Amino acid sequence: MKVVKGRYADPAQDDPRLVVVDIKPIRGLDRPVSLAEIKANSKFAAFAPVRISRLSVMPVTAMQRAEIDRLSKQSP
């Protein structure tokens, strides 16, 4: 994905510290990779969504992205 508009206050919230960004997809996966698949893969032990619940936006390393791409090419 690509950020098309940088952070700004979330219009659905009254707290200006809560921000959102606008994004646009660049290319999709062959199939969605579930959080359960990611949690079952030891390569993601330090991945934020595995360690911390309720995250909607988090950094993804190049290795993690490559592994998600690989998983998307496999049958679930």
Protein backbone atom coordinates (compact mmCIF):
# COMPACT_ATOMS: atom_id res chain seq x y z
CA MET A 1 0.00 0.00 0.00
CA LYS A 2 0.98 3.60 -0.37
CA VAL A 3 0.09 6.51 1.91
CA VAL A 4 -1.76 9.07 -0.20
CA LYS A 5 -2.54 11.52 2.60
CA GLY A 6 -0.43 11.86 5.72
CA ARG A 7 -1.72 11.74 9.25
CA TYR A 8 -4.57 13.96 10.37
CA ALA A 9 -6.98 13.98 13.30
CA ASP A 10 -9.50 11.14 13.14
CA PRO A 11 -12.79 12.83 12.20
CA ALA A 12 -14.72 10.10 14.07
CA GLN A 13 -13.00 10.91 17.38
CA ASP A 14 -12.96 13.93 19.68
CA ASP A 15 -9.30 13.41 20.64
CA PRO A 16 -6.83 15.19 18.30
CA ARG A 17 -4.12 12.75 19.42
CA LEU A 18 -5.94 9.97 17.53
CA VAL A 19 -4.89 10.18 13.91
CA VAL A 20 -5.58 8.42 10.62
CA VAL A 21 -3.85 8.22 7.24
CA ASP A 22 -5.35 7.62 3.81
CA ILE A 23 -3.90 4.71 1.85
CA LYS A 24 -4.16 3.19 -1.61
CA PRO A 25 -3.40 -0.43 -2.49
CA ILE A 26 -0.48 -1.01 -4.86
CA ARG A 27 -0.90 -4.74 -5.38
CA GLY A 28 -2.92 -7.42 -3.69
CA LEU A 29 -2.02 -10.82 -2.31
CA ASP A 30 -2.88 -14.02 -4.15
CA ARG A 31 -5.21 -14.80 -1.22
CA PRO A 32 -5.79 -13.24 2.20
CA VAL A 33 -3.47 -14.49 4.96
CA SER A 34 -5.32 -14.86 8.25
CA LEU A 35 -4.06 -13.63 11.58
CA ALA A 36 -4.29 -17.24 12.79
CA GLU A 37 -1.81 -18.27 10.06
CA ILE A 38 0.54 -15.46 11.03
CA LYS A 39 0.33 -16.34 14.74
CA ALA A 40 1.12 -19.99 13.92
CA ASN A 41 4.30 -19.00 12.04
CA SER A 42 7.39 -18.64 14.27
CA LYS A 43 8.85 -16.01 11.89
CA PHE A 44 6.25 -13.60 13.28
CA ALA A 45 7.01 -14.01 17.01
CA ALA A 46 8.04 -10.33 17.28
CA PHE A 47 5.32 -9.04 14.90
CA ALA A 48 3.17 -6.41 16.68
CA PRO A 49 -0.25 -7.94 15.85
CA VAL A 50 0.93 -11.23 17.39
CA ARG A 51 2.16 -9.57 20.59
CA ILE A 52 -0.38 -6.74 21.01
CA SER A 53 -4.09 -7.09 20.32
CA ARG A 54 -6.26 -4.43 18.71
CA LEU A 55 -3.63 -2.86 16.47
CA SER A 56 -4.87 -1.62 13.12
CA VAL A 57 -1.68 -0.04 11.78
CA MET A 58 1.83 -1.26 12.43
CA PRO A 59 5.21 -1.42 10.70
CA VAL A 60 6.00 -4.51 8.63
CA THR A 61 9.61 -5.45 7.91
CA ALA A 62 10.73 -6.55 4.45
CA MET A 63 11.17 -10.10 5.80
CA GLN A 64 7.66 -10.14 7.24
CA ARG A 65 6.18 -8.83 3.99
CA ALA A 66 8.06 -11.47 2.00
CA GLU A 67 6.75 -14.19 4.32
CA ILE A 68 3.17 -12.91 4.02
CA ASP A 69 3.58 -12.93 0.22
CA ARG A 70 4.89 -16.50 0.39
CA LEU A 71 2.00 -17.61 2.61
CA SER A 72 -0.52 -16.00 0.25
CA LYS A 73 0.70 -18.25 -2.56
CA GLN A 74 0.02 -21.42 -0.51
CA SER A 75 -3.26 -23.14 0.23
CA PRO A 76 -4.55 -22.31 3.71
